[in-house]
């Protein structure tokens, strides 16, 4: 894996999310975790192009299955970023490719 490190897997709550800054990205990234699985998305709701977090870094997650936009209550699945409910139903979050290395660091994949 030769991408930029975002955070350690233990920094992301199991069944939750963490907002991280990426040095060469214009926007922050939301890293989501369920057990050893991780996904990452650009921190931008497709409804009005606003961040998913209202308070910086505070992402609402429910039942280790969905993220919720703090502005419009849109719900996005962990595993593919697809909006299943809310004003942008059917849209999706922009995916950021990530990998977990042997040291359990999450990094952007190239």
PDB file of N, CA and C in Angstrom:
ATOM      1  N   UNK A   1       0.859  -1.173   0.000  1.00  0.00           N
ATOM      2  CA  UNK A   1       0.000   0.000   0.000  1.00  0.00           C
ATOM      3  C   UNK A   1       0.901   1.231   0.000  1.00  0.00           C
ATOM      4  N   UNK A   2       0.678   2.115  -0.948  1.00  0.00           N
ATOM      5  CA  UNK A   2       1.555   3.271  -1.044  1.00  0.00           C
ATOM      6  C   UNK A   2       0.812   4.590  -0.916  1.00  0.00           C
ATOM      7  N   UNK A   3      -0.414   4.573  -0.399  1.00  0.00           N
ATOM      8  CA  UNK A   3      -1.198   5.791  -0.243  1.00  0.00           C
ATOM      9  C   UNK A   3      -0.933   6.495   1.073  1.00  0.00           C
ATOM     10  N   UNK A   4      -1.512   7.677   1.183  1.00  0.00           N
ATOM     11  CA  UNK A   4      -1.357   8.481   2.391  1.00  0.00           C
ATOM     12  C   UNK A   4      -2.137   7.878   3.556  1.00  0.00           C
ATOM     13  N   UNK A   5      -1.492   7.766   4.713  1.00  0.00           N
ATOM     14  CA  UNK A   5      -2.164   7.271   5.917  1.00  0.00           C
ATOM     15  C   UNK A   5      -3.200   8.278   6.393  1.00  0.00           C
ATOM     16  N   UNK A   6      -4.374   7.768   6.745  1.00  0.00           N
ATOM     17  CA  UNK A   6      -5.442   8.618   7.264  1.00  0.00           C
ATOM     18  C   UNK A   6      -5.528   8.533   8.781  1.00  0.00           C
ATOM     19  N   UNK A   7      -5.519   7.301   9.305  1.00  0.00           N
ATOM     20  CA  UNK A   7      -5.599   7.091  10.751  1.00  0.00           C
ATOM     21  C   UNK A   7      -5.399   5.605  11.027  1.00  0.00           C
ATOM     22  N   UNK A   8      -5.268   5.263  12.291  1.00  0.00           N
ATOM     23  CA  UNK A   8      -5.180   3.863  12.700  1.00  0.00           C
ATOM     24  C   UNK A   8      -6.602   3.328  12.847  1.00  0.00           C
ATOM     25  N   UNK A   9      -6.792   2.061  12.550  1.00  0.00           N
ATOM     26  CA  UNK A   9      -8.143   1.482  12.612  1.00  0.00           C
ATOM     27  C   UNK A   9      -8.760   1.642  14.007  1.00  0.00           C
ATOM     28  N   UNK A  10      -7.934   1.601  15.059  1.00  0.00           N
ATOM     29  CA  UNK A  10      -8.454   1.757  16.422  1.00  0.00           C
ATOM     30  C   UNK A  10      -8.921   3.182  16.725  1.00  0.00           C
ATOM     31  N   UNK A  11      -8.569   4.145  15.861  1.00  0.00           N
ATOM     32  CA  UNK A  11      -9.029   5.527  16.030  1.00  0.00           C
ATOM     33  C   UNK A  11     -10.464   5.725  15.544  1.00  0.00           C
ATOM     34  N   UNK A  12     -10.986   4.728  14.832  1.00  0.00           N
ATOM     35  CA  UNK A  12     -12.362   4.784  14.325  1.00  0.00           C
ATOM     36  C   UNK A  12     -13.195   3.839  15.179  1.00  0.00           C
ATOM     37  N   UNK A  13     -14.246   4.335  15.847  1.00  0.00           N
ATOM     38  CA  UNK A  13     -15.043   3.447  16.689  1.00  0.00           C
ATOM     39  C   UNK A  13     -15.688   2.332  15.875  1.00  0.00           C
ATOM     40  N   UNK A  14     -15.691   1.130  16.415  1.00  0.00           N
ATOM     41  CA  UNK A  14     -16.359   0.011  15.750  1.00  0.00           C
ATOM     42  C   UNK A  14     -17.846   0.333  15.657  1.00  0.00           C
ATOM     43  N   UNK A  15     -18.379   0.326  14.449  1.00  0.00           N
ATOM     44  CA  UNK A  15     -19.776   0.693  14.244  1.00  0.00           C
ATOM     45  C   UNK A  15     -19.980   2.187  14.127  1.00  0.00           C
ATOM     46  N   UNK A  16     -18.878   2.918  13.939  1.00  0.00           N
ATOM     47  CA  UNK A  16     -18.964   4.368  13.873  1.00  0.00           C
ATOM     48  C   UNK A  16     -18.083   4.942  12.793  1.00  0.00           C
ATOM     49  N   UNK A  17     -17.835   6.249  12.926  1.00  0.00           N
ATOM     50  CA  UNK A  17     -17.076   6.959  11.909  1.00  0.00           C
ATOM     51  C   UNK A  17     -16.175   8.008  12.549  1.00  0.00           C
ATOM     52  N   UNK A  18     -15.206   8.429  11.760  1.00  0.00           N
ATOM     53  CA  UNK A  18     -14.297   9.490  12.176  1.00  0.00           C
ATOM     54  C   UNK A  18     -14.016  10.376  10.968  1.00  0.00           C
ATOM     55  N   UNK A  19     -13.986  11.668  11.193  1.00  0.00           N
ATOM     56  CA  UNK A  19     -13.640  12.617  10.139  1.00  0.00           C
ATOM     57  C   UNK A  19     -12.145  12.871  10.222  1.00  0.00           C
ATOM     58  N   UNK A  20     -11.456  12.740   9.089  1.00  0.00           N
ATOM     59  CA  UNK A  20     -10.016  12.986   9.041  1.00  0.00           C
ATOM     60  C   UNK A  20      -9.708  13.953   7.908  1.00  0.00           C
ATOM     61  N   UNK A  21      -8.645  14.695   8.080  1.00  0.00           N
ATOM     62  CA  UNK A  21      -8.177  15.598   7.034  1.00  0.00           C
ATOM     63  C   UNK A  21      -7.207  14.836   6.148  1.00  0.00           C
ATOM     64  N   UNK A  22      -7.256  15.110   4.875  1.00  0.00           N
ATOM     65  CA  UNK A  22      -6.308  14.514   3.937  1.00  0.00           C
ATOM     66  C   UNK A  22      -5.460  15.648   3.368  1.00  0.00           C
ATOM     67  N   UNK A  23      -4.159  15.500   3.453  1.00  0.00           N
ATOM     68  CA  UNK A  23      -3.242  16.582   3.091  1.00  0.00           C
ATOM     69  C   UNK A  23      -3.458  17.116   1.675  1.00  0.00           C
ATOM     70  N   UNK A  24      -3.712  16.259   0.723  1.00  0.00           N
ATOM     71  CA  UNK A  24      -3.837  16.717  -0.660  1.00  0.00           C
ATOM     72  C   UNK A  24      -5.288  16.756  -1.156  1.00  0.00           C
ATOM     73  N   UNK A  25      -6.236  16.647  -0.253  1.00  0.00           N
ATOM     74  CA  UNK A  25      -7.650  16.712  -0.637  1.00  0.00           C
ATOM     75  C   UNK A  25      -8.236  18.055  -0.198  1.00  0.00           C
ATOM     76  N   UNK A  26      -9.173  18.554  -0.986  1.00  0.00           N
ATOM     77  CA  UNK A  26      -9.811  19.827  -0.659  1.00  0.00           C
ATOM     78  C   UNK A  26     -10.809  19.695   0.482  1.00  0.00           C
ATOM     79  N   UNK A  27     -11.328  18.491   0.676  1.00  0.00           N
ATOM     80  CA  UNK A  27     -12.350  18.273   1.696  1.00  0.00           C
ATOM     81  C   UNK A  27     -11.894  17.185   2.660  1.00  0.00           C
ATOM     82  N   UNK A  28     -12.524  17.148   3.823  1.00  0.00           N
ATOM     83  CA  UNK A  28     -12.203  16.095   4.785  1.00  0.00           C
ATOM     84  C   UNK A  28     -12.826  14.772   4.318  1.00  0.00           C
ATOM     85  N   UNK A  29     -12.404  13.719   4.969  1.00  0.00           N
ATOM     86  CA  UNK A  29     -12.833  12.366   4.614  1.00  0.00           C
ATOM     87  C   UNK A  29     -13.482  11.729   5.831  1.00  0.00           C
ATOM     88  N   UNK A  30     -14.573  11.016   5.605  1.00  0.00           N
ATOM     89  CA  UNK A  30     -15.241  10.262   6.660  1.00  0.00           C
ATOM     90  C   UNK A  30     -14.807   8.807   6.522  1.00  0.00           C
ATOM     91  N   UNK A  31     -14.159   8.285   7.560  1.00  0.00           N
ATOM     92  CA  UNK A  31     -13.750   6.883   7.592  1.00  0.00           C
ATOM     93  C   UNK A  31     -14.751   6.144   8.465  1.00  0.00           C
ATOM     94  N   UNK A  32     -15.308   5.067   7.936  1.00  0.00           N
ATOM     95  CA  UNK A  32     -16.352   4.294   8.604  1.00  0.00           C
ATOM     96  C   UNK A  32     -15.810   2.900   8.881  1.00  0.00           C
ATOM     97  N   UNK A  33     -16.186   2.348  10.035  1.00  0.00           N
ATOM     98  CA  UNK A  33     -15.668   1.025  10.404  1.00  0.00           C
ATOM     99  C   UNK A  33     -16.758   0.137  10.972  1.00  0.00           C
ATOM    100  N   UNK A  34     -16.719  -1.127  10.566  1.00  0.00           N
ATOM    101  CA  UNK A  34     -17.527  -2.177  11.190  1.00  0.00           C
ATOM    102  C   UNK A  34     -16.606  -3.376  11.329  1.00  0.00           C
ATOM    103  N   UNK A  35     -16.157  -3.646  12.568  1.00  0.00           N
ATOM    104  CA  UNK A  35     -15.197  -4.726  12.791  1.00  0.00           C
ATOM    105  C   UNK A  35     -13.885  -4.408  12.100  1.00  0.00           C
ATOM    106  N   UNK A  36     -13.449  -5.303  11.207  1.00  0.00           N
ATOM    107  CA  UNK A  36     -12.208  -5.078  10.476  1.00  0.00           C
ATOM    108  C   UNK A  36     -12.452  -4.457   9.103  1.00  0.00           C
ATOM    109  N   UNK A  37     -13.700  -4.236   8.748  1.00  0.00           N
ATOM    110  CA  UNK A  37     -14.027  -3.616   7.467  1.00  0.00           C
ATOM    111  C   UNK A  37     -14.017  -2.098   7.604  1.00  0.00           C
ATOM    112  N   UNK A  38     -13.460  -1.425   6.619  1.00  0.00           N
ATOM    113  CA  UNK A  38     -13.460   0.040   6.613  1.00  0.00           C
ATOM    114  C   UNK A  38     -13.851   0.549   5.229  1.00  0.00           C
ATOM    115  N   UNK A  39     -14.493   1.694   5.232  1.00  0.00           N
ATOM    116  CA  UNK A  39     -14.865   2.401   4.011  1.00  0.00           C
ATOM    117  C   UNK A  39     -14.562   3.868   4.243  1.00  0.00           C
ATOM    118  N   UNK A  40     -14.432   4.621   3.167  1.00  0.00           N
ATOM    119  CA  UNK A  40     -14.186   6.058   3.313  1.00  0.00           C
ATOM    120  C   UNK A  40     -14.922   6.819   2.218  1.00  0.00           C
ATOM    121  N   UNK A  41     -15.370   8.015   2.598  1.00  0.00           N
ATOM    122  CA  UNK A  41     -16.140   8.855   1.687  1.00  0.00           C
ATOM    123  C   UNK A  41     -15.732  10.309   1.872  1.00  0.00           C
ATOM    124  N   UNK A  42     -15.874  11.087   0.802  1.00  0.00           N
ATOM    125  CA  UNK A  42     -15.681  12.530   0.913  1.00  0.00           C
ATOM    126  C   UNK A  42     -16.766  13.049   1.851  1.00  0.00           C
ATOM    127  N   UNK A  43     -16.396  13.922   2.760  1.00  0.00           N
ATOM    128  CA  UNK A  43     -17.327  14.464   3.752  1.00  0.00           C
ATOM    129  C   UNK A  43     -18.206  15.549   3.103  1.00  0.00           C
ATOM    130  N   UNK A  44     -19.113  15.091   2.224  1.00  0.00           N
ATOM    131  CA  UNK A  44     -19.990  16.017   1.512  1.00  0.00           C
ATOM    132  C   UNK A  44     -21.308  15.317   1.164  1.00  0.00           C
ATOM    133  N   UNK A  45     -22.397  15.850   1.673  1.00  0.00           N
ATOM    134  CA  UNK A  45     -23.724  15.330   1.363  1.00  0.00           C
ATOM    135  C   UNK A  45     -24.091  15.724  -0.066  1.00  0.00           C
ATOM    136  N   UNK A  46     -24.602  14.795  -0.868  1.00  0.00           N
ATOM    137  CA  UNK A  46     -24.962  15.133  -2.243  1.00  0.00           C
ATOM    138  C   UNK A  46     -26.192  16.037  -2.356  1.00  0.00           C
ATOM    139  N   UNK A  47     -26.915  16.245  -1.262  1.00  0.00           N
ATOM    140  CA  UNK A  47     -28.127  17.063  -1.319  1.00  0.00           C
ATOM    141  C   UNK A  47     -27.809  18.530  -1.581  1.00  0.00           C
ATOM    142  N   UNK A  48     -26.979  19.154  -0.741  1.00  0.00           N
ATOM    143  CA  UNK A  48     -26.604  20.551  -0.920  1.00  0.00           C
ATOM    144  C   UNK A  48     -25.094  20.758  -0.866  1.00  0.00           C
ATOM    145  N   UNK A  49     -24.340  19.684  -1.024  1.00  0.00           N
ATOM    146  CA  UNK A  49     -22.870  19.758  -0.991  1.00  0.00           C
ATOM    147  C   UNK A  49     -22.340  20.385   0.290  1.00  0.00           C
ATOM    148  N   UNK A  50     -22.927  20.008   1.415  1.00  0.00           N
ATOM    149  CA  UNK A  50     -22.455  20.448   2.725  1.00  0.00           C
ATOM    150  C   UNK A  50     -21.835  19.260   3.447  1.00  0.00           C
ATOM    151  N   UNK A  51     -20.952  19.506   4.425  1.00  0.00           N
ATOM    152  CA  UNK A  51     -20.367  18.391   5.182  1.00  0.00           C
ATOM    153  C   UNK A  51     -21.448  17.588   5.923  1.00  0.00           C
ATOM    154  N   UNK A  52     -21.180  16.311   6.141  1.00  0.00           N
ATOM    155  CA  UNK A  52     -22.116  15.452   6.875  1.00  0.00           C
ATOM    156  C   UNK A  52     -22.173  15.822   8.348  1.00  0.00           C
ATOM    157  N   UNK A  53     -21.092  16.398   8.868  1.00  0.00           N
ATOM    158  CA  UNK A  53     -21.038  16.770  10.276  1.00  0.00           C
ATOM    159  C   UNK A  53     -21.430  18.232  10.468  1.00  0.00           C
ATOM    160  N   UNK A  54     -22.248  18.495  11.477  1.00  0.00           N
ATOM    161  CA  UNK A  54     -22.608  19.866  11.824  1.00  0.00           C
ATOM    162  C   UNK A  54     -21.540  20.427  12.751  1.00  0.00           C
ATOM    163  N   UNK A  55     -21.283  19.707  13.838  1.00  0.00           N
ATOM    164  CA  UNK A  55     -20.153  20.013  14.708  1.00  0.00           C
ATOM    165  C   UNK A  55     -18.954  19.301  14.100  1.00  0.00           C
ATOM    166  N   UNK A  56     -17.851  19.994  13.877  1.00  0.00           N
ATOM    167  CA  UNK A  56     -16.707  19.356  13.233  1.00  0.00           C
ATOM    168  C   UNK A  56     -16.320  18.027  13.886  1.00  0.00           C
ATOM    169  N   UNK A  57     -16.262  16.988  13.060  1.00  0.00           N
ATOM    170  CA  UNK A  57     -15.852  15.672  13.520  1.00  0.00           C
ATOM    171  C   UNK A  57     -16.944  14.819  14.123  1.00  0.00           C
ATOM    172  N   UNK A  58     -18.139  15.348  14.323  1.00  0.00           N
ATOM    173  CA  UNK A  58     -19.244  14.601  14.936  1.00  0.00           C
ATOM    174  C   UNK A  58     -20.136  14.009  13.849  1.00  0.00           C
ATOM    175  N   UNK A  59     -20.005  12.713  13.615  1.00  0.00           N
ATOM    176  CA  UNK A  59     -20.806  12.010  12.611  1.00  0.00           C
ATOM    177  C   UNK A  59     -21.761  11.061  13.326  1.00  0.00           C
ATOM    178  N   UNK A  60     -23.032  11.174  13.007  1.00  0.00           N
ATOM    179  CA  UNK A  60     -24.036  10.280  13.608  1.00  0.00           C
ATOM    180  C   UNK A  60     -24.095   8.983  12.822  1.00  0.00           C
ATOM    181  N   UNK A  61     -24.052   7.867  13.550  1.00  0.00           N
ATOM    182  CA  UNK A  61     -24.147   6.534  12.957  1.00  0.00           C
ATOM    183  C   UNK A  61     -25.201   5.747  13.724  1.00  0.00           C
ATOM    184  N   UNK A  62     -25.921   4.901  13.010  1.00  0.00           N
ATOM    185  CA  UNK A  62     -26.962   4.099  13.635  1.00  0.00           C
ATOM    186  C   UNK A  62     -26.778   2.628  13.330  1.00  0.00           C
ATOM    187  N   UNK A  63     -26.817   1.826  14.405  1.00  0.00           N
ATOM    188  CA  UNK A  63     -26.776   0.366  14.327  1.00  0.00           C
ATOM    189  C   UNK A  63     -25.629  -0.175  13.483  1.00  0.00           C
ATOM    190  N   UNK A  64     -24.520   0.555  13.440  1.00  0.00           N
ATOM    191  CA  UNK A  64     -23.339   0.147  12.674  1.00  0.00           C
ATOM    192  C   UNK A  64     -23.696  -0.149  11.221  1.00  0.00           C
ATOM    193  N   UNK A  65     -24.709   0.561  10.709  1.00  0.00           N
ATOM    194  CA  UNK A  65     -25.182   0.322   9.354  1.00  0.00           C
ATOM    195  C   UNK A  65     -25.229   1.567   8.490  1.00  0.00           C
ATOM    196  N   UNK A  66     -25.568   2.722   9.087  1.00  0.00           N
ATOM    197  CA  UNK A  66     -25.762   3.935   8.289  1.00  0.00           C
ATOM    198  C   UNK A  66     -25.153   5.172   8.958  1.00  0.00           C
ATOM    199  N   UNK A  67     -24.738   6.102   8.104  1.00  0.00           N
ATOM    200  CA  UNK A  67     -24.307   7.441   8.509  1.00  0.00           C
ATOM    201  C   UNK A  67     -25.495   8.369   8.305  1.00  0.00           C
ATOM    202  N   UNK A  68     -25.581   9.432   9.109  1.00  0.00           N
ATOM    203  CA  UNK A  68     -26.653  10.389   8.923  1.00  0.00           C
ATOM    204  C   UNK A  68     -26.080  11.790   8.713  1.00  0.00           C
ATOM    205  N   UNK A  69     -26.579  12.476   7.693  1.00  0.00           N
ATOM    206  CA  UNK A  69     -26.198  13.863   7.470  1.00  0.00           C
ATOM    207  C   UNK A  69     -26.832  14.704   8.570  1.00  0.00           C
ATOM    208  N   UNK A  70     -26.031  15.493   9.256  1.00  0.00           N
ATOM    209  CA  UNK A  70     -26.521  16.314  10.368  1.00  0.00           C
ATOM    210  C   UNK A  70     -27.401  17.463   9.891  1.00  0.00           C
ATOM    211  N   UNK A  71     -27.328  17.804   8.620  1.00  0.00           N
ATOM    212  CA  UNK A  71     -28.093  18.940   8.096  1.00  0.00           C
ATOM    213  C   UNK A  71     -29.472  18.553   7.573  1.00  0.00           C
ATOM    214  N   UNK A  72     -29.588  17.379   6.954  1.00  0.00           N
ATOM    215  CA  UNK A  72     -30.841  17.012   6.290  1.00  0.00           C
ATOM    216  C   UNK A  72     -31.368  15.643   6.701  1.00  0.00           C
ATOM    217  N   UNK A  73     -30.677  14.966   7.608  1.00  0.00           N
ATOM    218  CA  UNK A  73     -31.056  13.637   8.101  1.00  0.00           C
ATOM    219  C   UNK A  73     -31.074  12.562   7.027  1.00  0.00           C
ATOM    220  N   UNK A  74     -30.379  12.773   5.932  1.00  0.00           N
ATOM    221  CA  UNK A  74     -30.251  11.729   4.918  1.00  0.00           C
ATOM    222  C   UNK A  74     -29.432  10.580   5.509  1.00  0.00           C
ATOM    223  N   UNK A  75     -29.804   9.347   5.171  1.00  0.00           N
ATOM    224  CA  UNK A  75     -29.120   8.156   5.684  1.00  0.00           C
ATOM    225  C   UNK A  75     -28.345   7.476   4.566  1.00  0.00           C
ATOM    226  N   UNK A  76     -27.072   7.173   4.841  1.00  0.00           N
ATOM    227  CA  UNK A  76     -26.179   6.562   3.858  1.00  0.00           C
ATOM    228  C   UNK A  76     -25.637   5.246   4.404  1.00  0.00           C
ATOM    229  N   UNK A  77     -25.705   4.193   3.591  1.00  0.00           N
ATOM    230  CA  UNK A  77     -25.178   2.888   4.022  1.00  0.00           C
ATOM    231  C   UNK A  77     -23.667   2.950   4.196  1.00  0.00           C
ATOM    232  N   UNK A  78     -23.179   2.265   5.225  1.00  0.00           N
ATOM    233  CA  UNK A  78     -21.740   2.178   5.478  1.00  0.00           C
ATOM    234  C   UNK A  78     -20.998   1.614   4.267  1.00  0.00           C
ATOM    235  N   UNK A  79     -21.498   0.488   3.745  1.00  0.00           N
ATOM    236  CA  UNK A  79     -20.714  -0.311   2.804  1.00  0.00           C
ATOM    237  C   UNK A  79     -20.633   0.225   1.382  1.00  0.00           C
ATOM    238  N   UNK A  80     -21.510   1.158   0.993  1.00  0.00           N
ATOM    239  CA  UNK A  80     -21.406   1.695  -0.366  1.00  0.00           C
ATOM    240  C   UNK A  80     -21.739   3.182  -0.474  1.00  0.00           C
ATOM    241  N   UNK A  81     -22.101   3.828   0.640  1.00  0.00           N
ATOM    242  CA  UNK A  81     -22.394   5.254   0.628  1.00  0.00           C
ATOM    243  C   UNK A  81     -23.698   5.632  -0.048  1.00  0.00           C
ATOM    244  N   UNK A  82     -24.513   4.647  -0.388  1.00  0.00           N
ATOM    245  CA  UNK A  82     -25.788   4.888  -1.072  1.00  0.00           C
ATOM    246  C   UNK A  82     -26.808   5.483  -0.097  1.00  0.00           C
ATOM    247  N   UNK A  83     -27.496   6.550  -0.510  1.00  0.00           N
ATOM    248  CA  UNK A  83     -28.515   7.174   0.329  1.00  0.00           C
ATOM    249  C   UNK A  83     -29.801   6.363   0.256  1.00  0.00           C
ATOM    250  N   UNK A  84     -30.228   5.861   1.404  1.00  0.00           N
ATOM    251  CA  UNK A  84     -31.427   5.013   1.441  1.00  0.00           C
ATOM    252  C   UNK A  84     -32.659   5.763   1.928  1.00  0.00           C
ATOM    253  N   UNK A  85     -32.467   6.967   2.483  1.00  0.00           N
ATOM    254  CA  UNK A  85     -33.603   7.734   2.989  1.00  0.00           C
ATOM    255  C   UNK A  85     -33.205   9.191   3.118  1.00  0.00           C
ATOM    256  N   UNK A  86     -34.139  10.074   2.806  1.00  0.00           N
ATOM    257  CA  UNK A  86     -33.884  11.503   2.951  1.00  0.00           C
ATOM    258  C   UNK A  86     -34.022  12.238   1.638  1.00  0.00           C
ATOM    259  N   UNK A  87     -33.677  13.528   1.633  1.00  0.00           N
ATOM    260  CA  UNK A  87     -33.903  14.365   0.459  1.00  0.00           C
ATOM    261  C   UNK A  87     -33.048  14.006  -0.755  1.00  0.00           C
ATOM    262  N   UNK A  88     -32.010  13.206  -0.570  1.00  0.00           N
ATOM    263  CA  UNK A  88     -31.175  12.806  -1.715  1.00  0.00           C
ATOM    264  C   UNK A  88     -31.218  11.292  -1.916  1.00  0.00           C
ATOM    265  N   UNK A  89     -32.338  10.653  -1.550  1.00  0.00           N
ATOM    266  CA  UNK A  89     -32.489   9.199  -1.701  1.00  0.00           C
ATOM    267  C   UNK A  89     -32.138   8.785  -3.125  1.00  0.00           C
ATOM    268  N   UNK A  90     -31.335   7.741  -3.208  1.00  0.00           N
ATOM    269  CA  UNK A  90     -30.892   7.231  -4.496  1.00  0.00           C
ATOM    270  C   UNK A  90     -29.532   7.765  -4.911  1.00  0.00           C
ATOM    271  N   UNK A  91     -29.110   8.877  -4.350  1.00  0.00           N
ATOM    272  CA  UNK A  91     -27.779   9.432  -4.636  1.00  0.00           C
ATOM    273  C   UNK A  91     -26.754   8.692  -3.775  1.00  0.00           C
ATOM    274  N   UNK A  92     -25.521   9.090  -3.857  1.00  0.00           N
ATOM    275  CA  UNK A  92     -24.497   8.432  -3.059  1.00  0.00           C
ATOM    276  C   UNK A  92     -23.359   9.362  -2.709  1.00  0.00           C
ATOM    277  N   UNK A  93     -22.638   8.988  -1.686  1.00  0.00           N
ATOM    278  CA  UNK A  93     -21.440   9.713  -1.283  1.00  0.00           C
ATOM    279  C   UNK A  93     -20.311   9.373  -2.248  1.00  0.00           C
ATOM    280  N   UNK A  94     -19.358  10.284  -2.404  1.00  0.00           N
ATOM    281  CA  UNK A  94     -18.187  10.023  -3.240  1.00  0.00           C
ATOM    282  C   UNK A  94     -17.220   9.131  -2.472  1.00  0.00           C
ATOM    283  N   UNK A  95     -16.907   7.991  -3.061  1.00  0.00           N
ATOM    284  CA  UNK A  95     -16.050   6.991  -2.434  1.00  0.00           C
ATOM    285  C   UNK A  95     -14.578   7.401  -2.487  1.00  0.00           C
ATOM    286  N   UNK A  96     -13.880   7.107  -1.392  1.00  0.00           N
ATOM    287  CA  UNK A  96     -12.429   7.260  -1.322  1.00  0.00           C
ATOM    288  C   UNK A  96     -11.878   5.853  -1.095  1.00  0.00           C
ATOM    289  N   UNK A  97     -11.068   5.371  -2.004  1.00  0.00           N
ATOM    290  CA  UNK A  97     -10.494   4.039  -1.854  1.00  0.00           C
ATOM    291  C   UNK A  97      -9.522   3.983  -0.691  1.00  0.00           C
ATOM    292  N   UNK A  98      -9.697   2.995   0.183  1.00  0.00           N
ATOM    293  CA  UNK A  98      -8.802   2.820   1.324  1.00  0.00           C
ATOM    294  C   UNK A  98      -8.430   1.358   1.487  1.00  0.00           C
ATOM    295  N   UNK A  99      -7.317   1.135   2.157  1.00  0.00           N
ATOM    296  CA  UNK A  99      -6.834  -0.194   2.501  1.00  0.00           C
ATOM    297  C   UNK A  99      -6.325  -0.158   3.934  1.00  0.00           C
ATOM    298  N   UNK A 100      -6.318  -1.317   4.570  1.00  0.00           N
ATOM    299  CA  UNK A 100      -5.762  -1.453   5.918  1.00  0.00           C
ATOM    300  C   UNK A 100      -4.505  -2.308   5.798  1.00  0.00           C
ATOM    301  N   UNK A 101      -3.376  -1.801   6.311  1.00  0.00           N
ATOM    302  CA  UNK A 101      -2.126  -2.550   6.207  1.00  0.00           C
ATOM    303  C   UNK A 101      -1.947  -3.500   7.394  1.00  0.00           C
ATOM    304  N   UNK A 102      -0.847  -4.212   7.423  1.00  0.00           N
ATOM    305  CA  UNK A 102      -0.581  -5.195   8.472  1.00  0.00           C
ATOM    306  C   UNK A 102      -0.476  -4.550   9.851  1.00  0.00           C
ATOM    307  N   UNK A 103      -0.100  -3.274   9.907  1.00  0.00           N
ATOM    308  CA  UNK A 103      -0.021  -2.551  11.176  1.00  0.00           C
ATOM    309  C   UNK A 103      -1.337  -1.923  11.574  1.00  0.00           C
ATOM    310  N   UNK A 104      -2.389  -2.198  10.795  1.00  0.00           N
ATOM    311  CA  UNK A 104      -3.753  -1.716  11.026  1.00  0.00           C
ATOM    312  C   UNK A 104      -3.914  -0.225  10.785  1.00  0.00           C
ATOM    313  N   UNK A 105      -3.057   0.338   9.913  1.00  0.00           N
ATOM    314  CA  UNK A 105      -3.212   1.731   9.490  1.00  0.00           C
ATOM    315  C   UNK A 105      -4.124   1.761   8.273  1.00  0.00           C
ATOM    316  N   UNK A 106      -5.029   2.732   8.266  1.00  0.00           N
ATOM    317  CA  UNK A 106      -5.925   2.946   7.129  1.00  0.00           C
ATOM    318  C   UNK A 106      -5.268   4.000   6.241  1.00  0.00           C
ATOM    319  N   UNK A 107      -5.114   3.674   4.986  1.00  0.00           N
ATOM    320  CA  UNK A 107      -4.473   4.593   4.044  1.00  0.00           C
ATOM    321  C   UNK A 107      -5.283   4.650   2.766  1.00  0.00           C
ATOM    322  N   UNK A 108      -5.187   5.796   2.093  1.00  0.00           N
ATOM    323  CA  UNK A 108      -5.825   5.929   0.793  1.00  0.00           C
ATOM    324  C   UNK A 108      -5.114   5.004  -0.183  1.00  0.00           C
ATOM    325  N   UNK A 109      -5.871   4.269  -0.969  1.00  0.00           N
ATOM    326  CA  UNK A 109      -5.269   3.402  -1.982  1.00  0.00           C
ATOM    327  C   UNK A 109      -5.079   4.212  -3.260  1.00  0.00           C
ATOM    328  N   UNK A 110      -4.129   3.800  -4.039  1.00  0.00           N
ATOM    329  CA  UNK A 110      -3.846   4.531  -5.291  1.00  0.00           C
ATOM    330  C   UNK A 110      -4.416   3.789  -6.460  1.00  0.00           C
TER     331      UNK A 110
END
